[in-house]
């Protein structure tokens, strides 16, 4: 495994892995792009990423600033664009 940019590493076969932590059980682990979801909304409050902790099974939702959005989209994380209503 090689270390890359802030929270990224590459595993076997060149797959991108993201470092993550669970706020409930405090476990630290690496997740592949398919284990994460990114939601991009119209504001900072509605832009976040989420995953399920592989240790305790908790659903985790964390805010995603511009840099996190860049890293996740560049690493192939599935993205949902949230639409605002007028």
N, C-alpha and C. Protein backbone atom coordinates (compact mmCIF):
# COMPACT_ATOMS: atom_id res chain seq x y z
N UNK A 1 0.84 -1.16 0.00
CA UNK A 1 0.00 0.00 0.00
C UNK A 1 0.90 1.23 0.00
N UNK A 2 0.52 2.23 -0.79
CA UNK A 2 1.29 3.47 -0.81
C UNK A 2 0.42 4.60 -0.28
N UNK A 3 1.05 5.55 0.35
CA UNK A 3 0.34 6.70 0.91
C UNK A 3 0.30 7.80 -0.14
N UNK A 4 -0.84 8.46 -0.18
CA UNK A 4 -1.01 9.54 -1.14
C UNK A 4 -1.36 10.83 -0.43
N UNK A 5 -2.22 11.60 -1.05
CA UNK A 5 -2.65 12.89 -0.55
C UNK A 5 -3.59 12.72 0.64
N UNK A 6 -3.46 13.57 1.62
CA UNK A 6 -4.34 13.72 2.79
C UNK A 6 -5.47 12.72 2.90
N UNK A 7 -5.23 11.63 3.58
CA UNK A 7 -6.28 10.66 3.84
C UNK A 7 -6.49 9.64 2.75
N UNK A 8 -5.67 9.64 1.73
CA UNK A 8 -5.80 8.70 0.63
C UNK A 8 -4.62 7.74 0.61
N UNK A 9 -4.88 6.53 0.19
CA UNK A 9 -3.81 5.59 -0.07
C UNK A 9 -4.27 4.68 -1.19
N UNK A 10 -3.35 3.97 -1.77
CA UNK A 10 -3.71 3.02 -2.81
C UNK A 10 -3.39 1.62 -2.33
N UNK A 11 -4.33 0.74 -2.52
CA UNK A 11 -4.15 -0.65 -2.11
C UNK A 11 -3.71 -1.50 -3.28
N UNK A 12 -3.92 -2.77 -3.14
CA UNK A 12 -3.58 -3.70 -4.22
C UNK A 12 -4.39 -3.38 -5.47
N UNK A 13 -3.77 -3.50 -6.59
CA UNK A 13 -4.46 -3.23 -7.84
C UNK A 13 -4.70 -1.76 -8.11
N UNK A 14 -4.11 -0.88 -7.31
CA UNK A 14 -4.25 0.56 -7.53
C UNK A 14 -5.55 1.15 -7.06
N UNK A 15 -6.38 0.38 -6.33
CA UNK A 15 -7.65 0.90 -5.83
C UNK A 15 -7.39 2.00 -4.80
N UNK A 16 -8.18 3.07 -4.86
CA UNK A 16 -8.04 4.17 -3.92
C UNK A 16 -8.74 3.81 -2.62
N UNK A 17 -8.05 4.05 -1.51
CA UNK A 17 -8.61 3.82 -0.18
C UNK A 17 -8.64 5.14 0.58
N UNK A 18 -9.70 5.35 1.34
CA UNK A 18 -9.86 6.57 2.12
C UNK A 18 -9.78 6.24 3.60
N UNK A 19 -9.01 7.03 4.34
CA UNK A 19 -8.95 6.86 5.79
C UNK A 19 -10.22 7.43 6.39
N UNK A 20 -10.78 6.72 7.35
CA UNK A 20 -12.00 7.18 8.01
C UNK A 20 -11.98 6.74 9.46
N UNK A 21 -12.86 7.34 10.25
CA UNK A 21 -12.98 6.99 11.66
C UNK A 21 -14.44 7.07 12.06
N UNK A 22 -14.82 6.24 13.00
CA UNK A 22 -16.19 6.22 13.50
C UNK A 22 -16.26 7.03 14.79
N UNK A 23 -17.17 8.00 14.88
CA UNK A 23 -17.29 8.78 16.11
C UNK A 23 -17.94 7.99 17.25
N UNK A 24 -18.64 6.91 16.93
CA UNK A 24 -19.31 6.11 17.96
C UNK A 24 -18.36 5.14 18.66
N UNK A 25 -17.70 4.29 17.89
CA UNK A 25 -16.81 3.28 18.50
C UNK A 25 -15.34 3.70 18.46
N UNK A 26 -15.03 4.81 17.77
CA UNK A 26 -13.68 5.36 17.64
C UNK A 26 -12.72 4.49 16.84
N UNK A 27 -13.24 3.55 16.10
CA UNK A 27 -12.39 2.71 15.24
C UNK A 27 -11.86 3.55 14.08
N UNK A 28 -10.66 3.21 13.62
CA UNK A 28 -10.05 3.85 12.45
C UNK A 28 -9.82 2.77 11.42
N UNK A 29 -10.10 3.08 10.16
CA UNK A 29 -10.03 2.07 9.11
C UNK A 29 -9.89 2.75 7.76
N UNK A 30 -9.72 1.97 6.72
CA UNK A 30 -9.68 2.46 5.35
C UNK A 30 -10.86 1.88 4.59
N UNK A 31 -11.49 2.72 3.77
CA UNK A 31 -12.65 2.31 2.98
C UNK A 31 -12.39 2.55 1.50
N UNK A 32 -12.91 1.66 0.68
CA UNK A 32 -12.86 1.86 -0.76
C UNK A 32 -13.95 2.82 -1.20
N UNK A 33 -13.86 3.30 -2.42
CA UNK A 33 -14.82 4.28 -2.94
C UNK A 33 -16.25 3.77 -2.90
N UNK A 34 -16.46 2.48 -3.07
CA UNK A 34 -17.82 1.95 -3.08
C UNK A 34 -18.48 1.96 -1.70
N UNK A 35 -17.70 2.11 -0.65
CA UNK A 35 -18.24 2.13 0.72
C UNK A 35 -18.67 3.52 1.17
N UNK A 36 -18.37 4.53 0.36
CA UNK A 36 -18.68 5.92 0.71
C UNK A 36 -19.71 6.49 -0.24
N UNK A 37 -20.48 7.47 0.25
CA UNK A 37 -21.42 8.23 -0.57
C UNK A 37 -21.18 9.70 -0.29
N UNK A 38 -21.24 10.52 -1.32
CA UNK A 38 -21.05 11.96 -1.19
C UNK A 38 -22.32 12.66 -1.65
N UNK A 39 -22.83 13.56 -0.84
CA UNK A 39 -24.01 14.36 -1.20
C UNK A 39 -23.57 15.81 -1.27
N UNK A 40 -23.81 16.44 -2.42
CA UNK A 40 -23.42 17.83 -2.61
C UNK A 40 -24.69 18.67 -2.68
N UNK A 41 -24.82 19.55 -1.70
CA UNK A 41 -25.98 20.42 -1.62
C UNK A 41 -25.64 21.85 -1.97
N UNK A 42 -26.57 22.73 -1.70
CA UNK A 42 -26.40 24.14 -2.03
C UNK A 42 -25.63 24.92 -0.98
N UNK A 43 -25.28 24.27 0.14
CA UNK A 43 -24.56 24.96 1.20
C UNK A 43 -23.63 23.99 1.92
N UNK A 44 -22.83 24.52 2.84
CA UNK A 44 -21.93 23.67 3.63
C UNK A 44 -22.72 22.69 4.49
N UNK A 45 -23.89 23.11 4.97
CA UNK A 45 -24.70 22.25 5.83
C UNK A 45 -25.31 21.08 5.09
N UNK A 46 -25.45 21.21 3.79
CA UNK A 46 -26.07 20.14 3.01
C UNK A 46 -25.08 19.39 2.13
N UNK A 47 -23.80 19.60 2.35
CA UNK A 47 -22.76 18.87 1.63
C UNK A 47 -22.04 17.98 2.64
N UNK A 48 -22.13 16.67 2.42
CA UNK A 48 -21.59 15.72 3.39
C UNK A 48 -21.24 14.41 2.72
N UNK A 49 -20.48 13.59 3.42
CA UNK A 49 -20.24 12.22 2.98
C UNK A 49 -20.70 11.28 4.07
N UNK A 50 -21.01 10.05 3.68
CA UNK A 50 -21.51 9.09 4.65
C UNK A 50 -20.98 7.70 4.35
N UNK A 51 -20.97 6.88 5.39
CA UNK A 51 -20.55 5.49 5.28
C UNK A 51 -21.08 4.73 6.48
N UNK A 52 -21.00 3.42 6.41
CA UNK A 52 -21.35 2.56 7.55
C UNK A 52 -20.06 2.05 8.16
N UNK A 53 -19.94 2.20 9.47
CA UNK A 53 -18.74 1.74 10.17
C UNK A 53 -18.64 0.22 10.05
N UNK A 54 -17.52 -0.29 9.55
CA UNK A 54 -17.36 -1.74 9.42
C UNK A 54 -17.17 -2.44 10.78
N UNK A 55 -16.85 -1.69 11.82
CA UNK A 55 -16.64 -2.27 13.14
C UNK A 55 -17.93 -2.41 13.94
N UNK A 56 -18.72 -1.32 14.03
CA UNK A 56 -19.92 -1.34 14.87
C UNK A 56 -21.23 -1.25 14.10
N UNK A 57 -21.15 -0.96 12.80
CA UNK A 57 -22.36 -0.90 11.97
C UNK A 57 -23.12 0.41 12.04
N UNK A 58 -22.58 1.42 12.71
CA UNK A 58 -23.24 2.72 12.80
C UNK A 58 -23.22 3.44 11.45
N UNK A 59 -24.28 4.16 11.16
CA UNK A 59 -24.30 5.04 10.00
C UNK A 59 -23.61 6.34 10.40
N UNK A 60 -22.61 6.74 9.61
CA UNK A 60 -21.81 7.92 9.93
C UNK A 60 -22.01 8.95 8.83
N UNK A 61 -22.22 10.19 9.25
CA UNK A 61 -22.38 11.30 8.31
C UNK A 61 -21.46 12.42 8.77
N UNK A 62 -20.60 12.89 7.86
CA UNK A 62 -19.64 13.94 8.19
C UNK A 62 -19.69 15.05 7.15
N UNK A 63 -19.45 16.30 7.57
CA UNK A 63 -19.45 17.41 6.61
C UNK A 63 -18.29 17.28 5.62
N UNK A 64 -18.52 17.78 4.42
CA UNK A 64 -17.49 17.71 3.37
C UNK A 64 -17.24 19.10 2.81
N UNK A 65 -16.08 19.65 3.13
CA UNK A 65 -15.67 20.92 2.55
C UNK A 65 -15.16 20.72 1.13
N UNK A 66 -14.71 21.79 0.53
CA UNK A 66 -14.26 21.74 -0.87
C UNK A 66 -13.16 20.70 -1.10
N UNK A 67 -12.17 20.67 -0.21
CA UNK A 67 -11.05 19.73 -0.39
C UNK A 67 -11.52 18.28 -0.29
N UNK A 68 -12.39 17.98 0.66
CA UNK A 68 -12.93 16.62 0.80
C UNK A 68 -13.73 16.24 -0.44
N UNK A 69 -14.53 17.16 -0.94
CA UNK A 69 -15.31 16.90 -2.16
C UNK A 69 -14.37 16.57 -3.32
N UNK A 70 -13.28 17.33 -3.46
CA UNK A 70 -12.30 17.07 -4.53
C UNK A 70 -11.69 15.68 -4.40
N UNK A 71 -11.27 15.34 -3.19
CA UNK A 71 -10.64 14.03 -2.96
C UNK A 71 -11.60 12.88 -3.23
N UNK A 72 -12.82 12.99 -2.72
CA UNK A 72 -13.79 11.91 -2.89
C UNK A 72 -14.22 11.75 -4.34
N UNK A 73 -14.52 12.84 -5.03
CA UNK A 73 -14.93 12.72 -6.43
C UNK A 73 -13.77 12.22 -7.29
N UNK A 74 -12.56 12.71 -7.00
CA UNK A 74 -11.38 12.25 -7.74
C UNK A 74 -11.06 10.79 -7.50
N UNK A 75 -11.48 10.27 -6.36
CA UNK A 75 -11.24 8.87 -6.01
C UNK A 75 -12.35 7.93 -6.42
N UNK A 76 -13.35 8.47 -7.12
CA UNK A 76 -14.41 7.60 -7.64
C UNK A 76 -15.59 7.34 -6.73
N UNK A 77 -15.76 8.14 -5.68
CA UNK A 77 -16.91 7.97 -4.78
C UNK A 77 -18.17 8.42 -5.50
N UNK A 78 -19.23 7.61 -5.36
CA UNK A 78 -20.51 7.93 -5.99
C UNK A 78 -21.06 9.21 -5.38
N UNK A 79 -21.51 10.12 -6.23
CA UNK A 79 -21.95 11.44 -5.79
C UNK A 79 -23.41 11.68 -6.12
N UNK A 80 -24.11 12.26 -5.16
CA UNK A 80 -25.50 12.65 -5.33
C UNK A 80 -25.57 14.16 -5.22
N UNK A 81 -26.13 14.80 -6.22
CA UNK A 81 -26.27 16.25 -6.17
C UNK A 81 -27.68 16.57 -5.68
N UNK A 82 -27.76 17.26 -4.57
CA UNK A 82 -29.04 17.62 -3.99
C UNK A 82 -29.53 18.90 -4.63
N UNK A 83 -30.77 18.90 -5.04
CA UNK A 83 -31.35 20.07 -5.69
C UNK A 83 -32.09 20.92 -4.67
N UNK A 84 -32.02 22.23 -4.82
CA UNK A 84 -32.76 23.12 -3.95
C UNK A 84 -34.06 23.49 -4.62
N UNK A 85 -35.08 23.69 -3.81
CA UNK A 85 -36.38 24.08 -4.36
C UNK A 85 -36.51 25.59 -4.28
N UNK A 86 -37.19 26.16 -5.22
CA UNK A 86 -37.37 27.62 -5.25
C UNK A 86 -38.54 28.05 -4.43
